[in-house]
Amino acid sequence: MSNLADRIEEYLKSVLEQADEGYIMLQRGFLANTFSCAPSQINYVLTTRFTAERGYLVESRRGGGGYLRIIRLGLDPEGKFQRLMAELIGEELSQERANNLIDRLEEEEIFTKREAVLIKSILADRILTDWVPSAEMLRARMMKEILVNMCRDDIII
């Protein structure tokens, strides 16, 4: 049996898949009652499993009329997601955040499983830390370059 956080994540993803609008709105209290847990457990799931690197945007409003809005980010032709990722990557990128982003791009079928494994291995701390003063800065530059090239339409294979 999976743990509570896994069940909450699975539930939210299934509800989100059924949403025609590409987002869902729920109340934190409703979720806490549904899963017989504290609202802080819902917050934990949202902050660790529904991040932008994983392809989600969470908007929250607390209080009596408060809500949670979970939006699934898509890879659109105008490149909004790519710009968002470039902003999220910033000047430095940890190995964990890089892996989350790579997993998301594999999920969206931008990367194959093989490409994801290859890119993760290239960006791994064990490779980068011995060669450069800031592995996070190099990883960020490399990830941006990978995204730019993966999103190009003019590459012929």
N, C-alpha and C. Protein backbone atom coordinates (compact mmCIF):
# COMPACT_ATOMS: atom_id res chain seq x y z
N MET A 1 0.84 -1.19 0.00
CA MET A 1 0.00 0.00 0.00
C MET A 1 0.89 1.25 0.00
N SER A 2 0.52 2.20 -0.80
CA SER A 2 1.33 3.41 -0.91
C SER A 2 1.10 4.31 0.31
N ASN A 3 2.03 5.23 0.50
CA ASN A 3 1.88 6.13 1.64
C ASN A 3 0.86 7.23 1.32
N LEU A 4 0.52 7.98 2.33
CA LEU A 4 -0.51 9.01 2.21
C LEU A 4 -0.17 10.04 1.13
N ALA A 5 1.07 10.50 1.11
CA ALA A 5 1.47 11.50 0.11
C ALA A 5 1.29 10.95 -1.30
N ASP A 6 1.62 9.70 -1.52
CA ASP A 6 1.44 9.07 -2.84
C ASP A 6 -0.04 9.03 -3.22
N ARG A 7 -0.88 8.69 -2.27
CA ARG A 7 -2.32 8.62 -2.56
C ARG A 7 -2.90 9.99 -2.88
N ILE A 8 -2.46 11.00 -2.13
CA ILE A 8 -2.93 12.37 -2.40
C ILE A 8 -2.48 12.80 -3.80
N GLU A 9 -1.22 12.57 -4.11
CA GLU A 9 -0.70 12.93 -5.44
C GLU A 9 -1.47 12.21 -6.53
N GLU A 10 -1.68 10.92 -6.38
CA GLU A 10 -2.40 10.14 -7.38
C GLU A 10 -3.82 10.68 -7.58
N TYR A 11 -4.48 11.00 -6.48
CA TYR A 11 -5.84 11.54 -6.55
C TYR A 11 -5.86 12.86 -7.32
N LEU A 12 -4.96 13.77 -6.95
CA LEU A 12 -4.93 15.08 -7.59
C LEU A 12 -4.63 14.96 -9.09
N LYS A 13 -3.71 14.09 -9.44
CA LYS A 13 -3.38 13.91 -10.86
C LYS A 13 -4.55 13.31 -11.63
N SER A 14 -5.28 12.38 -11.02
CA SER A 14 -6.42 11.78 -11.72
C SER A 14 -7.53 12.80 -11.92
N VAL A 15 -7.79 13.64 -10.91
CA VAL A 15 -8.81 14.69 -11.05
C VAL A 15 -8.37 15.70 -12.11
N LEU A 16 -7.09 16.02 -12.12
CA LEU A 16 -6.56 16.98 -13.09
C LEU A 16 -6.67 16.44 -14.51
N GLU A 17 -6.45 15.16 -14.69
CA GLU A 17 -6.57 14.55 -16.03
C GLU A 17 -7.98 14.66 -16.57
N GLN A 18 -8.96 14.60 -15.70
CA GLN A 18 -10.36 14.65 -16.11
C GLN A 18 -10.86 16.08 -16.35
N ALA A 19 -10.09 17.06 -15.92
CA ALA A 19 -10.52 18.46 -16.04
C ALA A 19 -10.36 18.94 -17.48
N ASP A 20 -11.42 19.44 -18.04
CA ASP A 20 -11.39 19.96 -19.41
C ASP A 20 -10.60 21.26 -19.51
N GLU A 21 -10.57 22.05 -18.43
CA GLU A 21 -9.94 23.36 -18.45
C GLU A 21 -8.43 23.32 -18.30
N GLY A 22 -7.87 22.17 -17.91
CA GLY A 22 -6.42 22.09 -17.70
C GLY A 22 -6.01 22.48 -16.29
N TYR A 23 -7.00 22.72 -15.42
CA TYR A 23 -6.69 23.03 -14.03
C TYR A 23 -7.85 22.54 -13.17
N ILE A 24 -7.56 22.42 -11.87
CA ILE A 24 -8.61 22.07 -10.91
C ILE A 24 -8.58 23.07 -9.77
N MET A 25 -9.74 23.25 -9.16
CA MET A 25 -9.84 24.10 -7.98
C MET A 25 -10.46 23.27 -6.88
N LEU A 26 -9.79 23.23 -5.75
CA LEU A 26 -10.25 22.46 -4.60
C LEU A 26 -10.02 23.26 -3.33
N GLN A 27 -10.62 22.82 -2.26
CA GLN A 27 -10.35 23.44 -0.97
C GLN A 27 -9.45 22.52 -0.16
N ARG A 28 -8.47 23.11 0.47
CA ARG A 28 -7.50 22.37 1.29
C ARG A 28 -8.22 21.54 2.35
N GLY A 29 -9.23 22.13 2.98
CA GLY A 29 -9.99 21.44 4.02
C GLY A 29 -10.71 20.21 3.48
N PHE A 30 -11.26 20.34 2.28
CA PHE A 30 -11.93 19.19 1.65
C PHE A 30 -10.94 18.04 1.44
N LEU A 31 -9.76 18.37 0.94
CA LEU A 31 -8.75 17.33 0.72
C LEU A 31 -8.31 16.71 2.05
N ALA A 32 -8.11 17.54 3.06
CA ALA A 32 -7.70 17.04 4.37
C ALA A 32 -8.77 16.09 4.93
N ASN A 33 -10.04 16.47 4.80
CA ASN A 33 -11.12 15.59 5.26
C ASN A 33 -11.19 14.30 4.45
N THR A 34 -11.03 14.41 3.15
CA THR A 34 -11.09 13.24 2.27
C THR A 34 -10.02 12.22 2.63
N PHE A 35 -8.84 12.70 2.96
CA PHE A 35 -7.72 11.80 3.26
C PHE A 35 -7.46 11.66 4.76
N SER A 36 -8.35 12.23 5.58
CA SER A 36 -8.21 12.15 7.05
C SER A 36 -6.80 12.53 7.50
N CYS A 37 -6.40 13.71 7.09
CA CYS A 37 -5.05 14.18 7.44
C CYS A 37 -5.09 15.66 7.77
N ALA A 38 -3.98 16.17 8.23
CA ALA A 38 -3.87 17.60 8.52
C ALA A 38 -3.65 18.37 7.21
N PRO A 39 -4.11 19.61 7.16
CA PRO A 39 -3.88 20.43 5.96
C PRO A 39 -2.38 20.56 5.62
N SER A 40 -1.52 20.48 6.62
CA SER A 40 -0.09 20.58 6.35
C SER A 40 0.40 19.43 5.47
N GLN A 41 -0.25 18.27 5.56
CA GLN A 41 0.12 17.14 4.69
C GLN A 41 -0.22 17.46 3.24
N ILE A 42 -1.33 18.13 3.04
CA ILE A 42 -1.71 18.56 1.69
C ILE A 42 -0.67 19.56 1.17
N ASN A 43 -0.27 20.50 2.02
CA ASN A 43 0.77 21.47 1.64
C ASN A 43 2.06 20.77 1.26
N TYR A 44 2.45 19.76 2.02
CA TYR A 44 3.68 19.01 1.73
C TYR A 44 3.62 18.40 0.32
N VAL A 45 2.51 17.76 0.00
CA VAL A 45 2.37 17.14 -1.32
C VAL A 45 2.45 18.20 -2.41
N LEU A 46 1.77 19.32 -2.20
CA LEU A 46 1.77 20.37 -3.22
C LEU A 46 3.15 20.97 -3.43
N THR A 47 3.90 21.19 -2.35
CA THR A 47 5.20 21.84 -2.48
C THR A 47 6.29 20.91 -2.98
N THR A 48 6.11 19.60 -2.80
CA THR A 48 7.16 18.67 -3.23
C THR A 48 6.85 17.94 -4.53
N ARG A 49 5.58 17.80 -4.87
CA ARG A 49 5.23 16.99 -6.03
C ARG A 49 4.51 17.74 -7.14
N PHE A 50 4.12 18.96 -6.87
CA PHE A 50 3.42 19.76 -7.88
C PHE A 50 4.20 21.06 -8.11
N THR A 51 5.44 20.91 -8.48
CA THR A 51 6.33 22.04 -8.71
C THR A 51 6.35 22.39 -10.19
N ALA A 52 6.86 23.55 -10.51
CA ALA A 52 6.96 23.97 -11.91
C ALA A 52 7.90 23.05 -12.69
N GLU A 53 8.97 22.59 -12.04
CA GLU A 53 9.89 21.67 -12.72
C GLU A 53 9.19 20.40 -13.14
N ARG A 54 8.18 20.02 -12.39
CA ARG A 54 7.42 18.80 -12.71
C ARG A 54 6.21 19.11 -13.59
N GLY A 55 6.03 20.37 -13.94
CA GLY A 55 4.98 20.72 -14.88
C GLY A 55 3.69 21.23 -14.28
N TYR A 56 3.75 21.76 -13.07
CA TYR A 56 2.55 22.25 -12.42
C TYR A 56 2.76 23.64 -11.84
N LEU A 57 1.70 24.37 -11.77
CA LEU A 57 1.68 25.66 -11.10
C LEU A 57 0.56 25.59 -10.07
N VAL A 58 0.87 25.90 -8.82
CA VAL A 58 -0.12 25.85 -7.75
C VAL A 58 -0.37 27.26 -7.25
N GLU A 59 -1.63 27.65 -7.27
CA GLU A 59 -2.05 28.93 -6.72
C GLU A 59 -2.87 28.61 -5.48
N SER A 60 -2.65 29.38 -4.45
CA SER A 60 -3.32 29.09 -3.19
C SER A 60 -3.85 30.37 -2.57
N ARG A 61 -5.03 30.24 -2.00
CA ARG A 61 -5.62 31.35 -1.27
C ARG A 61 -6.16 30.78 0.03
N ARG A 62 -5.67 31.29 1.13
CA ARG A 62 -6.06 30.76 2.44
C ARG A 62 -7.28 31.48 2.99
N GLY A 63 -7.87 30.88 4.00
CA GLY A 63 -9.02 31.50 4.66
C GLY A 63 -10.30 30.75 4.36
N GLY A 64 -11.41 31.27 4.88
CA GLY A 64 -12.71 30.61 4.75
C GLY A 64 -13.12 30.34 3.32
N GLY A 65 -12.91 31.28 2.43
CA GLY A 65 -13.26 31.09 1.03
C GLY A 65 -12.05 30.69 0.20
N GLY A 66 -11.03 30.19 0.88
CA GLY A 66 -9.78 29.87 0.19
C GLY A 66 -9.90 28.68 -0.73
N TYR A 67 -8.95 28.55 -1.60
CA TYR A 67 -8.95 27.48 -2.58
C TYR A 67 -7.52 27.12 -2.96
N LEU A 68 -7.40 26.02 -3.63
CA LEU A 68 -6.17 25.61 -4.30
C LEU A 68 -6.49 25.48 -5.77
N ARG A 69 -5.65 26.04 -6.59
CA ARG A 69 -5.80 25.84 -8.03
C ARG A 69 -4.51 25.19 -8.49
N ILE A 70 -4.65 24.03 -9.11
CA ILE A 70 -3.50 23.31 -9.64
C ILE A 70 -3.62 23.32 -11.15
N ILE A 71 -2.63 23.89 -11.79
CA ILE A 71 -2.64 24.05 -13.24
C ILE A 71 -1.54 23.17 -13.83
N ARG A 72 -1.90 22.37 -14.80
CA ARG A 72 -0.91 21.55 -15.49
C ARG A 72 -0.34 22.39 -16.62
N LEU A 73 0.97 22.59 -16.57
CA LEU A 73 1.63 23.37 -17.62
C LEU A 73 1.81 22.49 -18.84
N GLY A 74 1.65 23.06 -20.00
CA GLY A 74 1.82 22.31 -21.23
C GLY A 74 2.99 22.85 -22.03
N LEU A 75 3.42 22.06 -22.97
CA LEU A 75 4.47 22.49 -23.88
C LEU A 75 3.78 23.07 -25.11
N ASP A 76 3.64 24.37 -25.12
CA ASP A 76 2.89 25.04 -26.16
C ASP A 76 3.80 25.51 -27.29
N PRO A 77 3.23 25.71 -28.47
CA PRO A 77 4.03 26.11 -29.63
C PRO A 77 4.66 27.50 -29.50
N GLU A 78 4.07 28.37 -28.67
CA GLU A 78 4.63 29.71 -28.52
C GLU A 78 5.86 29.72 -27.62
N GLY A 79 6.16 28.62 -26.97
CA GLY A 79 7.36 28.54 -26.16
C GLY A 79 7.21 29.11 -24.76
N LYS A 80 5.99 29.29 -24.27
CA LYS A 80 5.81 29.84 -22.93
C LYS A 80 6.43 28.93 -21.88
N PHE A 81 6.26 27.63 -22.03
CA PHE A 81 6.82 26.70 -21.05
C PHE A 81 8.34 26.76 -21.09
N GLN A 82 8.91 26.86 -22.26
CA GLN A 82 10.36 26.94 -22.36
C GLN A 82 10.88 28.21 -21.69
N ARG A 83 10.17 29.32 -21.87
CA ARG A 83 10.59 30.56 -21.20
C ARG A 83 10.45 30.42 -19.69
N LEU A 84 9.38 29.79 -19.25
CA LEU A 84 9.18 29.58 -17.82
C LEU A 84 10.33 28.72 -17.26
N MET A 85 10.69 27.68 -17.97
CA MET A 85 11.78 26.81 -17.52
C MET A 85 13.11 27.57 -17.48
N ALA A 86 13.33 28.41 -18.45
CA ALA A 86 14.57 29.19 -18.46
C ALA A 86 14.62 30.11 -17.23
N GLU A 87 13.47 30.69 -16.89
CA GLU A 87 13.43 31.55 -15.71
C GLU A 87 13.61 30.73 -14.43
N LEU A 88 13.02 29.54 -14.39
CA LEU A 88 13.15 28.69 -13.20
C LEU A 88 14.56 28.15 -13.03
N ILE A 89 15.21 27.88 -14.14
CA ILE A 89 16.57 27.36 -14.06
C ILE A 89 17.49 28.44 -13.52
N GLY A 90 17.32 29.65 -13.99
CA GLY A 90 18.14 30.75 -13.50
C GLY A 90 19.61 30.54 -13.81
N GLU A 91 20.45 31.05 -12.93
CA GLU A 91 21.90 30.96 -13.13
C GLU A 91 22.49 29.68 -12.53
N GLU A 92 21.72 29.03 -11.65
CA GLU A 92 22.20 27.81 -11.01
C GLU A 92 21.08 26.78 -10.98
N LEU A 93 21.47 25.51 -11.04
CA LEU A 93 20.49 24.43 -11.07
C LEU A 93 21.05 23.23 -10.30
N SER A 94 20.36 22.84 -9.24
CA SER A 94 20.81 21.68 -8.46
C SER A 94 20.54 20.40 -9.25
N GLN A 95 21.21 19.33 -8.87
CA GLN A 95 21.00 18.06 -9.54
C GLN A 95 19.56 17.58 -9.35
N GLU A 96 19.00 17.77 -8.16
CA GLU A 96 17.63 17.34 -7.90
C GLU A 96 16.63 18.08 -8.78
N ARG A 97 16.78 19.40 -8.88
CA ARG A 97 15.87 20.17 -9.73
C ARG A 97 16.04 19.81 -11.19
N ALA A 98 17.28 19.57 -11.62
CA ALA A 98 17.52 19.16 -13.00
C ALA A 98 16.84 17.82 -13.28
N ASN A 99 16.96 16.88 -12.37
CA ASN A 99 16.33 15.57 -12.56
C ASN A 99 14.81 15.69 -12.62
N ASN A 100 14.23 16.55 -11.78
CA ASN A 100 12.77 16.77 -11.83
C ASN A 100 12.34 17.32 -13.18
N LEU A 101 13.10 18.27 -13.70
CA LEU A 101 12.77 18.86 -14.99
C LEU A 101 12.92 17.82 -16.11
N ILE A 102 13.96 17.04 -16.06
CA ILE A 102 14.17 15.99 -17.07
C ILE A 102 13.03 14.97 -17.02
N ASP A 103 12.62 14.59 -15.81
CA ASP A 103 11.49 13.66 -15.67
C ASP A 103 10.23 14.24 -16.30
N ARG A 104 10.01 15.53 -16.09
CA ARG A 104 8.83 16.19 -16.67
C ARG A 104 8.89 16.17 -18.19
N LEU A 105 10.05 16.44 -18.74
CA LEU A 105 10.19 16.46 -20.20
C LEU A 105 10.07 15.05 -20.79
N GLU A 106 10.47 14.06 -20.04
CA GLU A 106 10.26 12.68 -20.48
C GLU A 106 8.77 12.34 -20.44
N GLU A 107 8.10 12.79 -19.39
CA GLU A 107 6.67 12.57 -19.25
C GLU A 107 5.90 13.20 -20.42
N GLU A 108 6.37 14.35 -20.87
CA GLU A 108 5.73 15.05 -21.99
C GLU A 108 6.20 14.51 -23.35
N GLU A 109 7.04 13.48 -23.31
CA GLU A 109 7.58 12.83 -24.50
C GLU A 109 8.44 13.76 -25.35
N ILE A 110 9.06 14.74 -24.68
CA ILE A 110 10.07 15.56 -25.34
C ILE A 110 11.38 14.78 -25.36
N PHE A 111 11.67 14.10 -24.26
CA PHE A 111 12.82 13.20 -24.17
C PHE A 111 12.32 11.76 -24.14
N THR A 112 13.08 10.88 -24.76
CA THR A 112 12.82 9.46 -24.59
C THR A 112 13.43 9.03 -23.26
N LYS A 113 13.12 7.82 -22.83
CA LYS A 113 13.71 7.30 -21.59
C LYS A 113 15.23 7.29 -21.72
N ARG A 114 15.72 6.87 -22.85
CA ARG A 114 17.17 6.78 -23.08
C ARG A 114 17.81 8.17 -23.01
N GLU A 115 17.20 9.17 -23.64
CA GLU A 115 17.72 10.53 -23.61
C GLU A 115 17.72 11.07 -22.18
N ALA A 116 16.65 10.80 -21.43
CA ALA A 116 16.57 11.28 -20.05
C ALA A 116 17.69 10.70 -19.20
N VAL A 117 17.94 9.42 -19.35
CA VAL A 117 19.02 8.77 -18.59
C VAL A 117 20.37 9.37 -18.98
N LEU A 118 20.58 9.56 -20.27
CA LEU A 118 21.83 10.13 -20.76
C LEU A 118 22.04 11.54 -20.23
N ILE A 119 21.03 12.39 -20.31
CA ILE A 119 21.15 13.77 -19.85
C ILE A 119 21.37 13.82 -18.34
N LYS A 120 20.64 13.01 -17.59
CA LYS A 120 20.84 12.96 -16.14
C LYS A 120 22.28 12.57 -15.80
N SER A 121 22.83 11.63 -16.54
CA SER A 121 24.20 11.20 -16.24
C SER A 121 25.21 12.30 -16.54
N ILE A 122 24.97 13.05 -17.58
CA ILE A 122 25.88 14.15 -17.94
C ILE A 122 25.83 15.27 -16.90
N LEU A 123 24.64 15.51 -16.34
CA LEU A 123 24.45 16.60 -15.38
C LEU A 123 24.67 16.19 -13.93
N ALA A 124 25.09 14.97 -13.70
CA ALA A 124 25.25 14.46 -12.34
C ALA A 124 26.38 15.15 -11.60
N ASP A 125 26.19 15.32 -10.29
CA ASP A 125 27.21 15.94 -9.44
C ASP A 125 28.55 15.21 -9.56
N ARG A 126 28.52 13.88 -9.63
CA ARG A 126 29.77 13.12 -9.68
C ARG A 126 30.60 13.45 -10.91
N ILE A 127 29.97 13.95 -11.95
CA ILE A 127 30.68 14.34 -13.17
C ILE A 127 31.17 15.79 -13.07
N LEU A 128 30.31 16.67 -12.58
CA LEU A 128 30.58 18.10 -12.65
C LEU A 128 31.44 18.66 -11.51
N THR A 129 31.29 18.17 -10.31
CA THR A 129 31.91 18.83 -9.17
C THR A 129 33.43 18.82 -9.17
N ASP A 130 34.04 17.85 -9.79
CA ASP A 130 35.50 17.80 -9.81
C ASP A 130 36.13 18.72 -10.86
N TRP A 131 35.33 19.23 -11.78
CA TRP A 131 35.88 19.97 -12.92
C TRP A 131 35.65 21.46 -12.89
N VAL A 132 34.67 21.90 -12.18
CA VAL A 132 34.34 23.33 -12.20
C VAL A 132 34.09 23.83 -10.78
N PRO A 133 34.31 25.13 -10.55
CA PRO A 133 34.07 25.68 -9.22
C PRO A 133 32.59 25.67 -8.83
N SER A 134 31.69 25.80 -9.79
CA SER A 134 30.26 25.81 -9.48
C SER A 134 29.53 24.86 -10.42
N ALA A 135 29.27 23.65 -9.91
CA ALA A 135 28.54 22.67 -10.71
C ALA A 135 27.13 23.16 -11.04
N GLU A 136 26.51 23.91 -10.11
CA GLU A 136 25.15 24.41 -10.34
C GLU A 136 25.09 25.38 -11.52
N MET A 137 26.12 26.25 -11.64
CA MET A 137 26.13 27.21 -12.75
C MET A 137 26.31 26.49 -14.08
N LEU A 138 27.24 25.56 -14.12
CA LEU A 138 27.47 24.80 -15.36
C LEU A 138 26.24 23.99 -15.72
N ARG A 139 25.63 23.35 -14.73
CA ARG A 139 24.43 22.54 -14.98
C ARG A 139 23.32 23.41 -15.55
N ALA A 140 23.14 24.62 -15.02
CA ALA A 140 22.10 25.53 -15.52
C ALA A 140 22.36 25.89 -16.98
N ARG A 141 23.59 26.22 -17.30
CA ARG A 141 23.92 26.55 -18.70
C ARG A 141 23.68 25.37 -19.63
N MET A 142 24.10 24.20 -19.17
CA MET A 142 23.93 23.00 -20.00
C MET A 142 22.45 22.67 -20.20
N MET A 143 21.65 22.79 -19.14
CA MET A 143 20.23 22.48 -19.24
C MET A 143 19.52 23.45 -20.18
N LYS A 144 19.87 24.74 -20.10
CA LYS A 144 19.29 25.72 -21.01
C LYS A 144 19.63 25.38 -22.46
N GLU A 145 20.87 24.99 -22.70
CA GLU A 145 21.29 24.63 -24.06
C GLU A 145 20.54 23.40 -24.56
N ILE A 146 20.35 22.43 -23.69
CA ILE A 146 19.60 21.22 -24.05
C ILE A 146 18.17 21.59 -24.42
N LEU A 147 17.52 22.44 -23.59
CA LEU A 147 16.14 22.83 -23.87
C LEU A 147 16.01 23.59 -25.17
N VAL A 148 16.94 24.50 -25.42
CA VAL A 148 16.90 25.27 -26.66
C VAL A 148 16.97 24.34 -27.86
N ASN A 149 17.87 23.37 -27.81
CA ASN A 149 18.03 22.48 -28.95
C ASN A 149 16.92 21.44 -29.07
N MET A 150 16.35 21.02 -27.95
CA MET A 150 15.25 20.07 -28.02
C MET A 150 13.99 20.71 -28.56
N CYS A 151 13.86 22.01 -28.42
CA CYS A 151 12.65 22.71 -28.85
C CYS A 151 12.76 23.29 -30.26
N ARG A 152 13.87 23.06 -30.91
CA ARG A 152 14.04 23.57 -32.27
C ARG A 152 13.24 22.74 -33.26
N ASP A 153 12.69 23.41 -34.23
CA ASP A 153 11.91 22.73 -35.26
C ASP A 153 12.73 22.44 -36.51
N ASP A 154 13.89 23.06 -36.62
CA ASP A 154 14.64 22.96 -37.87
C ASP A 154 15.68 21.84 -37.89
N ILE A 155 15.68 20.96 -36.89
CA ILE A 155 16.65 19.88 -36.87
C ILE A 155 16.09 18.70 -37.65
N ILE A 156 16.87 18.23 -38.58
CA ILE A 156 16.48 17.08 -39.39
C ILE A 156 17.34 15.89 -38.97
N ILE A 157 16.65 14.79 -38.66
CA ILE A 157 17.36 13.59 -38.22
C ILE A 157 17.39 12.57 -39.34
